[in-house]
Amino acid sequence: MSKYYLHSVGVTGDIKDINHSIYDLEGILKTGAILTRHRRNLIGFGFNGTKYISLSDYDKRFDNIYKDDPKFFDYTAYAMYSTKAVSILIDKSKVNAIKPTLVEPLDNSWSSLFRMFGAAYDLISKRMSDLPDEVQVFGDIDEDAFCGITIPIKDINEQFNIEKVKQVYRRIKELLKRYEYHMGIYDVEDLQHEIVSTKQIDNIVKRSH
C-alpha cells in the first residue's frame, strides 16, 4: 500500500504545458503551502470548489470504473493530471482527506452541469467527484506534508524528448535547493526509486521502449 497522495500542479490536462506546471510549483515551494482557490482569491471550475484541494490516491490510480467506455478510458485524476504535470507527493498521515461521493462523469446534461457548478461555487456542501481516485482536503496543505516531487517522464519524453525530461529534472532540483526542501524527485510511475542523476533518466526512458 502506498502512503502517498499526489497533488498535480498547474494542471491543464496537456503535457505541452509542463513549463506552466513548473512555474506553479515554484510558487508553492516559495509559499510553503498548497493554497486553496479561496486563499488565492480565485474562482475555479471543479468538484473541489474554492475551499478544498484535490489529490489523487496513488493506490487507486488504476481504478477506472469507466474503462469499458472509450470516451472515459483514462478517466482518473492520475491519468488525466498526474501524467501531464509535475506533482507533489503528499504524506497520507499528514492530511485529513475526504473521499467524495462518486458521481457519473460530466455529460453536458443539466443535472450533470448543475452538480459541477454547485460544487465549483460552494453551493453544495456534499463532497462529490467524477474521478474514482480523487480525494479532497479542506483548507491549505502545509509543506510539512510534502515528501517528494514526481515527473511524468514517459509523457514528457513522448511529447518532447529526453533532453526536455532532463531539463525539467534539473529545474526542479534547482528549486528544491533554492527553497531549502530536502526531499526526492521521482518518476510518477515509480515511487520506489529516487532519481539522483540524469543517467537514471536515460535508463528509465530505455526501459519504457
N, C-alpha and C. Protein backbone atom coordinates (compact mmCIF):
# COMPACT_ATOMS: atom_id res chain seq x y z
N MET A 1 0.84 -1.20 0.00
CA MET A 1 0.00 0.00 0.00
C MET A 1 0.87 1.24 0.00
N SER A 2 0.55 2.18 -0.87
CA SER A 2 1.29 3.44 -0.92
C SER A 2 0.85 4.35 0.22
N LYS A 3 1.77 5.14 0.70
CA LYS A 3 1.44 6.10 1.77
C LYS A 3 1.30 7.51 1.20
N TYR A 4 1.08 7.60 -0.11
CA TYR A 4 1.10 8.91 -0.75
C TYR A 4 -0.19 9.26 -1.48
N TYR A 5 -0.47 10.55 -1.46
CA TYR A 5 -1.39 11.17 -2.39
C TYR A 5 -0.54 12.00 -3.36
N LEU A 6 -1.10 12.33 -4.50
CA LEU A 6 -0.44 13.20 -5.46
C LEU A 6 -1.26 14.48 -5.63
N HIS A 7 -0.59 15.61 -5.58
CA HIS A 7 -1.25 16.86 -5.96
C HIS A 7 -0.57 17.37 -7.22
N SER A 8 -1.28 17.28 -8.34
CA SER A 8 -0.72 17.71 -9.62
C SER A 8 -0.80 19.24 -9.71
N VAL A 9 0.28 19.83 -10.17
CA VAL A 9 0.46 21.28 -10.06
C VAL A 9 0.25 21.98 -11.41
N GLY A 10 -0.54 23.04 -11.39
CA GLY A 10 -0.74 23.83 -12.61
C GLY A 10 -1.32 23.01 -13.74
N VAL A 11 -2.28 22.17 -13.41
CA VAL A 11 -2.77 21.21 -14.41
C VAL A 11 -3.64 21.87 -15.47
N THR A 12 -3.40 21.47 -16.69
CA THR A 12 -4.26 21.84 -17.81
C THR A 12 -4.75 20.59 -18.53
N GLY A 13 -4.19 19.44 -18.18
CA GLY A 13 -4.53 18.21 -18.87
C GLY A 13 -3.73 17.99 -20.13
N ASP A 14 -2.71 18.85 -20.35
CA ASP A 14 -1.90 18.75 -21.57
C ASP A 14 -0.43 18.79 -21.19
N ILE A 15 0.30 17.77 -21.55
CA ILE A 15 1.72 17.68 -21.23
C ILE A 15 2.52 18.82 -21.86
N LYS A 16 1.98 19.43 -22.91
CA LYS A 16 2.66 20.55 -23.55
C LYS A 16 2.84 21.73 -22.61
N ASP A 17 2.01 21.77 -21.54
CA ASP A 17 2.06 22.88 -20.59
C ASP A 17 2.93 22.58 -19.38
N ILE A 18 3.90 21.70 -19.54
CA ILE A 18 4.75 21.29 -18.42
C ILE A 18 5.51 22.48 -17.83
N ASN A 19 5.87 23.46 -18.63
CA ASN A 19 6.57 24.64 -18.10
C ASN A 19 5.67 25.44 -17.16
N HIS A 20 4.40 25.51 -17.49
CA HIS A 20 3.44 26.18 -16.61
C HIS A 20 3.34 25.45 -15.29
N SER A 21 3.38 24.13 -15.34
CA SER A 21 3.34 23.31 -14.13
C SER A 21 4.53 23.63 -13.22
N ILE A 22 5.71 23.73 -13.81
CA ILE A 22 6.91 24.04 -13.03
C ILE A 22 6.85 25.45 -12.45
N TYR A 23 6.30 26.38 -13.22
CA TYR A 23 6.13 27.76 -12.74
C TYR A 23 5.25 27.78 -11.49
N ASP A 24 4.14 27.05 -11.53
CA ASP A 24 3.25 27.00 -10.36
C ASP A 24 3.89 26.26 -9.20
N LEU A 25 4.71 25.25 -9.51
CA LEU A 25 5.42 24.53 -8.46
C LEU A 25 6.32 25.48 -7.68
N GLU A 26 7.01 26.36 -8.38
CA GLU A 26 7.88 27.30 -7.69
C GLU A 26 7.07 28.18 -6.73
N GLY A 27 5.89 28.60 -7.15
CA GLY A 27 5.06 29.42 -6.28
C GLY A 27 4.68 28.69 -4.99
N ILE A 28 4.37 27.41 -5.12
CA ILE A 28 4.02 26.61 -3.94
C ILE A 28 5.23 26.44 -3.01
N LEU A 29 6.37 26.11 -3.60
CA LEU A 29 7.57 25.92 -2.78
C LEU A 29 7.97 27.22 -2.08
N LYS A 30 7.83 28.32 -2.77
CA LYS A 30 8.17 29.62 -2.19
C LYS A 30 7.22 29.98 -1.05
N THR A 31 5.94 29.69 -1.24
CA THR A 31 4.92 29.99 -0.23
C THR A 31 5.01 29.05 0.96
N GLY A 32 5.38 27.81 0.69
CA GLY A 32 5.46 26.81 1.76
C GLY A 32 4.13 26.11 2.02
N ALA A 33 3.23 26.18 1.05
CA ALA A 33 1.93 25.52 1.21
C ALA A 33 1.20 25.47 -0.12
N ILE A 34 0.32 24.50 -0.26
CA ILE A 34 -0.63 24.47 -1.37
C ILE A 34 -1.87 25.21 -0.86
N LEU A 35 -2.18 26.31 -1.49
CA LEU A 35 -3.29 27.15 -1.04
C LEU A 35 -4.57 26.85 -1.83
N THR A 36 -5.70 26.94 -1.16
CA THR A 36 -6.98 26.76 -1.83
C THR A 36 -7.24 27.95 -2.77
N ARG A 37 -8.19 27.78 -3.66
CA ARG A 37 -8.59 28.89 -4.52
C ARG A 37 -9.11 30.07 -3.68
N HIS A 38 -9.80 29.74 -2.60
CA HIS A 38 -10.33 30.80 -1.72
C HIS A 38 -9.21 31.67 -1.18
N ARG A 39 -8.13 31.05 -0.75
CA ARG A 39 -6.99 31.79 -0.19
C ARG A 39 -6.25 32.59 -1.25
N ARG A 40 -6.35 32.14 -2.50
CA ARG A 40 -5.69 32.85 -3.60
C ARG A 40 -6.64 33.81 -4.33
N ASN A 41 -7.85 33.94 -3.77
CA ASN A 41 -8.86 34.82 -4.38
C ASN A 41 -9.15 34.44 -5.82
N LEU A 42 -9.27 33.13 -6.04
CA LEU A 42 -9.55 32.63 -7.38
C LEU A 42 -10.90 31.91 -7.41
N ILE A 43 -11.52 31.92 -8.55
CA ILE A 43 -12.72 31.12 -8.78
C ILE A 43 -12.36 30.11 -9.85
N GLY A 44 -12.47 28.85 -9.51
CA GLY A 44 -12.11 27.80 -10.47
C GLY A 44 -13.34 27.02 -10.89
N PHE A 45 -13.09 25.96 -11.61
CA PHE A 45 -14.18 25.11 -12.08
C PHE A 45 -13.81 23.67 -11.80
N GLY A 46 -14.40 23.11 -10.75
CA GLY A 46 -14.08 21.74 -10.40
C GLY A 46 -14.85 21.32 -9.18
N PHE A 47 -14.91 20.02 -8.95
CA PHE A 47 -15.66 19.48 -7.82
C PHE A 47 -15.05 19.86 -6.47
N ASN A 48 -13.81 20.29 -6.45
CA ASN A 48 -13.19 20.66 -5.17
C ASN A 48 -13.59 22.07 -4.72
N GLY A 49 -14.29 22.82 -5.57
CA GLY A 49 -14.74 24.14 -5.16
C GLY A 49 -13.59 25.09 -4.88
N THR A 50 -13.82 26.02 -3.96
CA THR A 50 -12.78 27.02 -3.66
C THR A 50 -12.08 26.77 -2.33
N LYS A 51 -12.61 25.85 -1.53
CA LYS A 51 -12.06 25.66 -0.18
C LYS A 51 -11.46 24.28 0.05
N TYR A 52 -11.47 23.46 -0.99
CA TYR A 52 -10.89 22.12 -0.89
C TYR A 52 -9.78 21.96 -1.94
N ILE A 53 -8.83 21.11 -1.63
CA ILE A 53 -7.73 20.80 -2.55
C ILE A 53 -7.87 19.35 -3.00
N SER A 54 -7.79 19.13 -4.29
CA SER A 54 -7.92 17.78 -4.86
C SER A 54 -6.59 17.05 -4.88
N LEU A 55 -6.65 15.78 -4.56
CA LEU A 55 -5.48 14.90 -4.60
C LEU A 55 -5.88 13.60 -5.27
N SER A 56 -4.89 12.90 -5.80
CA SER A 56 -5.11 11.56 -6.34
C SER A 56 -4.52 10.55 -5.35
N ASP A 57 -5.32 9.55 -5.01
CA ASP A 57 -4.84 8.47 -4.15
C ASP A 57 -4.01 7.53 -5.02
N TYR A 58 -2.72 7.46 -4.76
CA TYR A 58 -1.83 6.68 -5.63
C TYR A 58 -2.24 5.21 -5.69
N ASP A 59 -2.80 4.68 -4.61
CA ASP A 59 -3.24 3.29 -4.60
C ASP A 59 -4.43 3.05 -5.53
N LYS A 60 -5.17 4.11 -5.83
CA LYS A 60 -6.38 3.97 -6.63
C LYS A 60 -6.19 4.46 -8.07
N ARG A 61 -4.95 4.69 -8.46
CA ARG A 61 -4.69 5.35 -9.75
C ARG A 61 -5.16 4.56 -10.95
N PHE A 62 -5.32 3.26 -10.82
CA PHE A 62 -5.78 2.44 -11.95
C PHE A 62 -7.24 1.99 -11.77
N ASP A 63 -7.92 2.54 -10.79
CA ASP A 63 -9.30 2.13 -10.51
C ASP A 63 -10.30 2.89 -11.39
N ASN A 64 -10.15 2.75 -12.68
CA ASN A 64 -11.06 3.43 -13.60
C ASN A 64 -12.28 2.55 -13.86
N ILE A 65 -13.39 2.90 -13.23
CA ILE A 65 -14.59 2.09 -13.37
C ILE A 65 -15.29 2.33 -14.70
N TYR A 66 -14.79 3.31 -15.47
CA TYR A 66 -15.42 3.65 -16.75
C TYR A 66 -14.62 3.12 -17.94
N LYS A 67 -13.62 2.31 -17.71
CA LYS A 67 -12.67 1.95 -18.77
C LYS A 67 -13.30 1.22 -19.95
N ASP A 68 -14.50 0.65 -19.78
CA ASP A 68 -15.16 -0.04 -20.89
C ASP A 68 -15.81 0.94 -21.86
N ASP A 69 -15.88 2.21 -21.46
CA ASP A 69 -16.44 3.24 -22.32
C ASP A 69 -15.27 3.99 -22.97
N PRO A 70 -15.13 3.93 -24.29
CA PRO A 70 -13.99 4.59 -24.97
C PRO A 70 -13.84 6.07 -24.65
N LYS A 71 -14.96 6.75 -24.36
CA LYS A 71 -14.91 8.18 -24.05
C LYS A 71 -14.20 8.46 -22.73
N PHE A 72 -14.21 7.46 -21.84
CA PHE A 72 -13.66 7.67 -20.49
C PHE A 72 -12.58 6.64 -20.16
N PHE A 73 -11.82 6.25 -21.17
CA PHE A 73 -10.84 5.18 -20.99
C PHE A 73 -9.80 5.51 -19.93
N ASP A 74 -9.35 6.77 -19.88
CA ASP A 74 -8.34 7.18 -18.90
C ASP A 74 -8.93 8.14 -17.87
N TYR A 75 -10.11 7.83 -17.37
CA TYR A 75 -10.83 8.77 -16.53
C TYR A 75 -10.49 8.60 -15.05
N THR A 76 -9.26 8.98 -14.71
CA THR A 76 -8.83 9.08 -13.32
C THR A 76 -8.03 10.36 -13.19
N ALA A 77 -7.92 10.87 -11.97
CA ALA A 77 -7.11 12.07 -11.74
C ALA A 77 -5.65 11.78 -12.10
N TYR A 78 -5.21 10.57 -11.81
CA TYR A 78 -3.83 10.19 -12.12
C TYR A 78 -3.57 10.27 -13.62
N ALA A 79 -4.41 9.63 -14.42
CA ALA A 79 -4.19 9.59 -15.87
C ALA A 79 -4.37 10.96 -16.51
N MET A 80 -5.34 11.72 -16.03
CA MET A 80 -5.66 12.99 -16.66
C MET A 80 -4.73 14.13 -16.24
N TYR A 81 -4.20 14.04 -15.02
CA TYR A 81 -3.43 15.15 -14.49
C TYR A 81 -2.00 14.78 -14.05
N SER A 82 -1.86 13.72 -13.27
CA SER A 82 -0.54 13.39 -12.72
C SER A 82 0.45 12.94 -13.78
N THR A 83 -0.05 12.42 -14.90
CA THR A 83 0.84 12.04 -16.00
C THR A 83 1.01 13.18 -17.00
N LYS A 84 0.46 14.35 -16.68
CA LYS A 84 0.54 15.50 -17.59
C LYS A 84 1.16 16.73 -16.91
N ALA A 85 1.63 16.56 -15.67
CA ALA A 85 2.19 17.69 -14.92
C ALA A 85 3.12 17.16 -13.84
N VAL A 86 3.92 18.05 -13.28
CA VAL A 86 4.68 17.66 -12.10
C VAL A 86 3.70 17.62 -10.93
N SER A 87 3.99 16.75 -9.98
CA SER A 87 3.09 16.59 -8.83
C SER A 87 3.89 16.59 -7.53
N ILE A 88 3.23 17.01 -6.48
CA ILE A 88 3.83 16.97 -5.15
C ILE A 88 3.31 15.73 -4.44
N LEU A 89 4.22 14.94 -3.91
CA LEU A 89 3.83 13.79 -3.10
C LEU A 89 3.41 14.29 -1.72
N ILE A 90 2.23 13.85 -1.28
CA ILE A 90 1.68 14.24 0.00
C ILE A 90 1.61 13.02 0.92
N ASP A 91 2.15 13.16 2.11
CA ASP A 91 2.11 12.09 3.11
C ASP A 91 0.67 11.92 3.60
N LYS A 92 0.11 10.72 3.40
CA LYS A 92 -1.28 10.48 3.79
C LYS A 92 -1.53 10.73 5.27
N SER A 93 -0.52 10.48 6.09
CA SER A 93 -0.71 10.61 7.54
C SER A 93 -0.73 12.07 8.00
N LYS A 94 -0.39 13.00 7.10
CA LYS A 94 -0.29 14.42 7.48
C LYS A 94 -1.51 15.24 7.08
N VAL A 95 -2.46 14.62 6.39
CA VAL A 95 -3.65 15.35 5.96
C VAL A 95 -4.91 14.55 6.29
N ASN A 96 -6.00 15.25 6.43
CA ASN A 96 -7.29 14.62 6.69
C ASN A 96 -8.10 14.64 5.40
N ALA A 97 -7.93 13.60 4.61
CA ALA A 97 -8.55 13.54 3.29
C ALA A 97 -9.96 12.98 3.37
N ILE A 98 -10.83 13.54 2.56
CA ILE A 98 -12.22 13.10 2.46
C ILE A 98 -12.40 12.38 1.13
N LYS A 99 -13.06 11.24 1.17
CA LYS A 99 -13.39 10.52 -0.06
C LYS A 99 -14.75 11.01 -0.54
N PRO A 100 -14.79 11.73 -1.67
CA PRO A 100 -16.07 12.27 -2.15
C PRO A 100 -17.00 11.17 -2.64
N THR A 101 -18.26 11.48 -2.67
CA THR A 101 -19.24 10.59 -3.29
C THR A 101 -18.99 10.58 -4.80
N LEU A 102 -18.86 9.38 -5.35
CA LEU A 102 -18.57 9.26 -6.78
C LEU A 102 -19.84 9.47 -7.59
N VAL A 103 -19.76 10.38 -8.55
CA VAL A 103 -20.89 10.64 -9.45
C VAL A 103 -20.44 10.35 -10.88
N GLU A 104 -21.39 10.22 -11.76
CA GLU A 104 -21.07 9.91 -13.15
C GLU A 104 -20.33 11.07 -13.81
N PRO A 105 -19.49 10.78 -14.80
CA PRO A 105 -18.75 11.84 -15.49
C PRO A 105 -19.67 12.87 -16.12
N LEU A 106 -19.13 14.07 -16.28
CA LEU A 106 -19.89 15.13 -16.93
C LEU A 106 -20.30 14.71 -18.33
N ASP A 107 -21.57 14.89 -18.65
CA ASP A 107 -22.05 14.53 -19.98
C ASP A 107 -22.83 15.67 -20.63
N ASN A 108 -22.70 16.87 -20.03
CA ASN A 108 -23.36 18.08 -20.54
C ASN A 108 -24.87 18.08 -20.34
N SER A 109 -25.38 17.11 -19.56
CA SER A 109 -26.79 17.16 -19.20
C SER A 109 -26.98 18.24 -18.14
N TRP A 110 -28.21 18.72 -17.96
CA TRP A 110 -28.47 19.77 -16.99
C TRP A 110 -28.12 19.30 -15.58
N SER A 111 -28.49 18.08 -15.23
CA SER A 111 -28.21 17.58 -13.88
C SER A 111 -26.72 17.46 -13.63
N SER A 112 -25.99 17.02 -14.65
CA SER A 112 -24.55 16.87 -14.54
C SER A 112 -23.87 18.23 -14.37
N LEU A 113 -24.26 19.20 -15.19
CA LEU A 113 -23.68 20.53 -15.11
C LEU A 113 -24.05 21.23 -13.80
N PHE A 114 -25.26 20.99 -13.32
CA PHE A 114 -25.67 21.59 -12.04
C PHE A 114 -24.79 21.09 -10.91
N ARG A 115 -24.50 19.79 -10.91
CA ARG A 115 -23.62 19.24 -9.87
C ARG A 115 -22.26 19.93 -9.90
N MET A 116 -21.70 20.07 -11.09
CA MET A 116 -20.37 20.67 -11.22
C MET A 116 -20.39 22.13 -10.78
N PHE A 117 -21.34 22.91 -11.27
CA PHE A 117 -21.39 24.32 -10.90
C PHE A 117 -21.65 24.49 -9.41
N GLY A 118 -22.51 23.65 -8.87
CA GLY A 118 -22.81 23.73 -7.45
C GLY A 118 -21.59 23.48 -6.59
N ALA A 119 -20.79 22.48 -6.99
CA ALA A 119 -19.57 22.18 -6.24
C ALA A 119 -18.52 23.26 -6.45
N ALA A 120 -18.38 23.72 -7.69
CA ALA A 120 -17.34 24.70 -8.01
C ALA A 120 -17.54 26.02 -7.26
N TYR A 121 -18.78 26.40 -7.05
CA TYR A 121 -19.06 27.68 -6.41
C TYR A 121 -19.54 27.51 -4.96
N ASP A 122 -19.23 26.34 -4.39
CA ASP A 122 -19.52 26.08 -2.98
C ASP A 122 -21.00 26.21 -2.64
N LEU A 123 -21.87 25.91 -3.59
CA LEU A 123 -23.31 25.97 -3.35
C LEU A 123 -23.82 24.65 -2.78
N ILE A 124 -22.99 23.61 -2.87
CA ILE A 124 -23.36 22.29 -2.38
C ILE A 124 -22.33 21.88 -1.34
N SER A 125 -22.76 21.53 -0.15
CA SER A 125 -21.82 21.17 0.91
C SER A 125 -21.30 19.74 0.77
N LYS A 126 -22.10 18.86 0.17
CA LYS A 126 -21.70 17.47 0.00
C LYS A 126 -20.53 17.38 -0.97
N ARG A 127 -19.50 16.64 -0.61
CA ARG A 127 -18.34 16.48 -1.48
C ARG A 127 -18.64 15.45 -2.56
N MET A 128 -18.33 15.79 -3.80
CA MET A 128 -18.57 14.90 -4.93
C MET A 128 -17.37 14.93 -5.86
N SER A 129 -17.24 13.89 -6.67
CA SER A 129 -16.23 13.85 -7.71
C SER A 129 -16.63 12.81 -8.74
N ASP A 130 -16.21 13.04 -9.98
CA ASP A 130 -16.45 12.02 -11.01
C ASP A 130 -15.19 11.23 -11.30
N LEU A 131 -14.13 11.45 -10.51
CA LEU A 131 -12.87 10.73 -10.68
C LEU A 131 -12.69 9.71 -9.55
N PRO A 132 -12.60 8.42 -9.87
CA PRO A 132 -12.59 7.38 -8.84
C PRO A 132 -11.45 7.46 -7.84
N ASP A 133 -10.32 8.04 -8.23
CA ASP A 133 -9.16 8.09 -7.34
C ASP A 133 -9.02 9.42 -6.60
N GLU A 134 -9.95 10.33 -6.80
CA GLU A 134 -9.81 11.65 -6.17
C GLU A 134 -10.22 11.64 -4.70
N VAL A 135 -9.44 12.32 -3.88
CA VAL A 135 -9.81 12.65 -2.51
C VAL A 135 -9.66 14.16 -2.38
N GLN A 136 -10.26 14.73 -1.35
CA GLN A 136 -10.22 16.17 -1.16
C GLN A 136 -9.84 16.52 0.27
N VAL A 137 -9.09 17.59 0.40
CA VAL A 137 -8.65 18.06 1.71
C VAL A 137 -9.18 19.48 1.91
N PHE A 138 -9.80 19.71 3.06
CA PHE A 138 -10.32 21.04 3.36
C PHE A 138 -9.18 21.96 3.79
N GLY A 139 -9.10 23.13 3.18
CA GLY A 139 -8.08 24.11 3.57
C GLY A 139 -6.74 23.87 2.92
N ASP A 140 -5.77 24.66 3.33
CA ASP A 140 -4.43 24.59 2.75
C ASP A 140 -3.69 23.34 3.19
N ILE A 141 -2.70 22.94 2.41
CA ILE A 141 -1.82 21.81 2.78
C ILE A 141 -0.44 22.38 3.02
N ASP A 142 0.04 22.28 4.25
CA ASP A 142 1.33 22.85 4.64
C ASP A 142 2.48 22.01 4.12
N GLU A 143 3.63 22.63 3.98
CA GLU A 143 4.82 21.97 3.47
C GLU A 143 5.27 20.78 4.31
N ASP A 144 4.85 20.70 5.56
CA ASP A 144 5.20 19.56 6.40
C ASP A 144 4.68 18.25 5.83
N ALA A 145 3.65 18.34 4.97
CA ALA A 145 3.07 17.13 4.37
C ALA A 145 3.75 16.76 3.06
N PHE A 146 4.62 17.63 2.54
CA PHE A 146 5.31 17.36 1.28
C PHE A 146 6.41 16.32 1.50
N CYS A 147 6.51 15.36 0.61
CA CYS A 147 7.59 14.38 0.77
C CYS A 147 8.24 13.98 -0.55
N GLY A 148 8.01 14.74 -1.60
CA GLY A 148 8.68 14.45 -2.86
C GLY A 148 7.99 15.14 -4.02
N ILE A 149 8.67 15.10 -5.17
CA ILE A 149 8.12 15.66 -6.42
C ILE A 149 8.17 14.56 -7.48
N THR A 150 7.11 14.44 -8.27
CA THR A 150 7.12 13.45 -9.34
C THR A 150 7.14 14.13 -10.71
N ILE A 151 7.78 13.46 -11.65
CA ILE A 151 7.87 13.91 -13.03
C ILE A 151 7.24 12.84 -13.93
N PRO A 152 6.38 13.21 -14.86
CA PRO A 152 5.82 12.23 -15.81
C PRO A 152 6.81 11.99 -16.95
N ILE A 153 7.82 11.22 -16.67
CA ILE A 153 8.94 11.06 -17.60
C ILE A 153 8.49 10.52 -18.96
N LYS A 154 7.70 9.48 -18.95
CA LYS A 154 7.27 8.86 -20.21
C LYS A 154 6.55 9.86 -21.10
N ASP A 155 5.61 10.61 -20.53
CA ASP A 155 4.81 11.52 -21.34
C ASP A 155 5.62 12.72 -21.84
N ILE A 156 6.53 13.23 -20.99
CA ILE A 156 7.37 14.33 -21.45
C ILE A 156 8.27 13.88 -22.58
N ASN A 157 8.84 12.70 -22.44
CA ASN A 157 9.73 12.19 -23.48
C ASN A 157 8.98 11.98 -24.79
N GLU A 158 7.76 11.46 -24.71
CA GLU A 158 6.98 11.20 -25.92
C GLU A 158 6.55 12.50 -26.60
N GLN A 159 6.23 13.52 -25.81
CA GLN A 159 5.78 14.78 -26.38
C GLN A 159 6.95 15.63 -26.87
N PHE A 160 8.05 15.60 -26.12
CA PHE A 160 9.23 16.41 -26.44
C PHE A 160 10.40 15.49 -26.79
N ASN A 161 11.27 15.29 -25.83
CA ASN A 161 12.42 14.39 -25.99
C ASN A 161 13.08 14.21 -24.63
N ILE A 162 14.11 13.37 -24.60
CA ILE A 162 14.74 13.07 -23.33
C ILE A 162 15.46 14.28 -22.74
N GLU A 163 15.92 15.17 -23.60
CA GLU A 163 16.60 16.37 -23.08
C GLU A 163 15.61 17.27 -22.33
N LYS A 164 14.35 17.29 -22.77
CA LYS A 164 13.33 18.06 -22.05
C LYS A 164 13.09 17.44 -20.68
N VAL A 165 13.07 16.13 -20.60
CA VAL A 165 12.91 15.45 -19.31
C VAL A 165 14.03 15.88 -18.36
N LYS A 166 15.25 15.88 -18.88
CA LYS A 166 16.40 16.24 -18.05
C LYS A 166 16.34 17.71 -17.64
N GLN A 167 15.86 18.55 -18.54
CA GLN A 167 15.71 19.97 -18.22
C GLN A 167 14.72 20.16 -17.08
N VAL A 168 13.60 19.45 -17.14
CA VAL A 168 12.60 19.52 -16.08
C VAL A 168 13.19 19.04 -14.76
N TYR A 169 13.90 17.94 -14.81
CA TYR A 169 14.54 17.39 -13.61
C TYR A 169 15.51 18.40 -12.98
N ARG A 170 16.37 18.98 -13.81
CA ARG A 170 17.35 19.95 -13.29
C ARG A 170 16.67 21.17 -12.69
N ARG A 171 15.60 21.62 -13.35
CA ARG A 171 14.89 22.79 -12.84
C ARG A 171 14.25 22.52 -11.48
N ILE A 172 13.64 21.36 -11.33
CA ILE A 172 13.03 21.01 -10.05
C ILE A 172 14.11 20.88 -8.97
N LYS A 173 15.21 20.25 -9.33
CA LYS A 173 16.31 20.10 -8.38
C LYS A 173 16.81 21.47 -7.92
N GLU A 174 16.91 22.40 -8.85
CA GLU A 174 17.34 23.76 -8.54
C GLU A 174 16.34 24.44 -7.59
N LEU A 175 15.04 24.27 -7.84
CA LEU A 175 14.02 24.88 -7.00
C LEU A 175 14.03 24.31 -5.58
N LEU A 176 14.21 23.00 -5.47
CA LEU A 176 14.27 22.38 -4.15
C LEU A 176 15.46 22.91 -3.35
N LYS A 177 16.57 23.10 -4.03
CA LYS A 177 17.75 23.64 -3.36
C LYS A 177 17.54 25.10 -2.96
N ARG A 178 16.97 25.89 -3.88
CA ARG A 178 16.78 27.31 -3.61
C ARG A 178 15.88 27.56 -2.41
N TYR A 179 14.80 26.77 -2.32
CA TYR A 179 13.84 26.99 -1.23
C TYR A 179 14.05 26.02 -0.06
N GLU A 180 15.18 25.32 -0.09
CA GLU A 180 15.65 24.50 1.04
C GLU A 180 14.66 23.38 1.41
N TYR A 181 14.28 22.62 0.40
CA TYR A 181 13.46 21.42 0.63
C TYR A 181 14.36 20.20 0.51
N HIS A 182 14.28 19.33 1.48
CA HIS A 182 15.10 18.12 1.47
C HIS A 182 14.20 16.92 1.18
N MET A 183 13.86 16.78 -0.08
CA MET A 183 13.02 15.66 -0.49
C MET A 183 13.40 15.25 -1.90
N GLY A 184 13.00 14.05 -2.27
CA GLY A 184 13.46 13.47 -3.52
C GLY A 184 12.57 13.78 -4.72
N ILE A 185 13.12 13.45 -5.89
CA ILE A 185 12.40 13.58 -7.16
C ILE A 185 12.22 12.16 -7.71
N TYR A 186 11.02 11.86 -8.22
CA TYR A 186 10.70 10.50 -8.65
C TYR A 186 9.98 10.53 -10.01
N ASP A 187 10.11 9.43 -10.73
CA ASP A 187 9.26 9.21 -11.89
C ASP A 187 7.86 8.91 -11.35
N VAL A 188 6.83 9.51 -11.92
CA VAL A 188 5.48 9.30 -11.40
C VAL A 188 5.06 7.84 -11.48
N GLU A 189 5.70 7.06 -12.33
CA GLU A 189 5.35 5.65 -12.45
C GLU A 189 6.14 4.76 -11.49
N ASP A 190 7.07 5.35 -10.74
CA ASP A 190 7.90 4.56 -9.83
C ASP A 190 8.30 5.40 -8.61
N LEU A 191 7.58 5.21 -7.53
CA LEU A 191 7.87 5.98 -6.32
C LEU A 191 8.88 5.27 -5.41
N GLN A 192 9.37 4.13 -5.85
CA GLN A 192 10.31 3.36 -5.03
C GLN A 192 11.76 3.83 -5.19
N HIS A 193 12.07 4.46 -6.32
CA HIS A 193 13.46 4.79 -6.60
C HIS A 193 13.62 6.28 -6.87
N GLU A 194 14.31 6.95 -5.98
CA GLU A 194 14.57 8.37 -6.14
C GLU A 194 15.52 8.61 -7.31
N ILE A 195 15.26 9.62 -8.10
CA ILE A 195 16.15 9.98 -9.21
C ILE A 195 17.22 10.92 -8.68
N VAL A 196 18.46 10.51 -8.79
CA VAL A 196 19.56 11.32 -8.26
C VAL A 196 20.53 11.77 -9.35
N SER A 197 20.26 11.35 -10.60
CA SER A 197 21.14 11.76 -11.69
C SER A 197 20.40 11.66 -13.02
N THR A 198 20.88 12.39 -14.01
CA THR A 198 20.26 12.32 -15.34
C THR A 198 20.53 10.97 -16.00
N LYS A 199 21.55 10.26 -15.54
CA LYS A 199 21.83 8.93 -16.07
C LYS A 199 20.67 7.98 -15.79
N GLN A 200 20.05 8.15 -14.63
CA GLN A 200 18.88 7.32 -14.32
C GLN A 200 17.74 7.59 -15.29
N ILE A 201 17.61 8.84 -15.70
CA ILE A 201 16.56 9.18 -16.66
C ILE A 201 16.80 8.45 -17.98
N ASP A 202 18.06 8.39 -18.42
CA ASP A 202 18.40 7.62 -19.62
C ASP A 202 17.90 6.18 -19.50
N ASN A 203 18.15 5.58 -18.35
CA ASN A 203 17.77 4.18 -18.13
C ASN A 203 16.25 4.02 -18.08
N ILE A 204 15.57 4.97 -17.45
CA ILE A 204 14.10 4.89 -17.36
C ILE A 204 13.49 4.97 -18.75
N VAL A 205 13.98 5.88 -19.58
CA VAL A 205 13.44 6.04 -20.93
C VAL A 205 13.73 4.79 -21.77
N LYS A 206 14.92 4.21 -21.62
CA LYS A 206 15.26 2.99 -22.37
C LYS A 206 14.31 1.86 -22.00
N ARG A 207 14.01 1.74 -20.71
CA ARG A 207 13.14 0.65 -20.25
C ARG A 207 11.70 0.83 -20.74
N SER A 208 11.30 2.06 -21.00
CA SER A 208 9.93 2.32 -21.40
C SER A 208 9.66 1.97 -22.87
N HIS A 209 10.74 1.75 -23.63
CA HIS A 209 10.58 1.42 -25.06
C HIS A 209 10.45 -0.07 -25.27
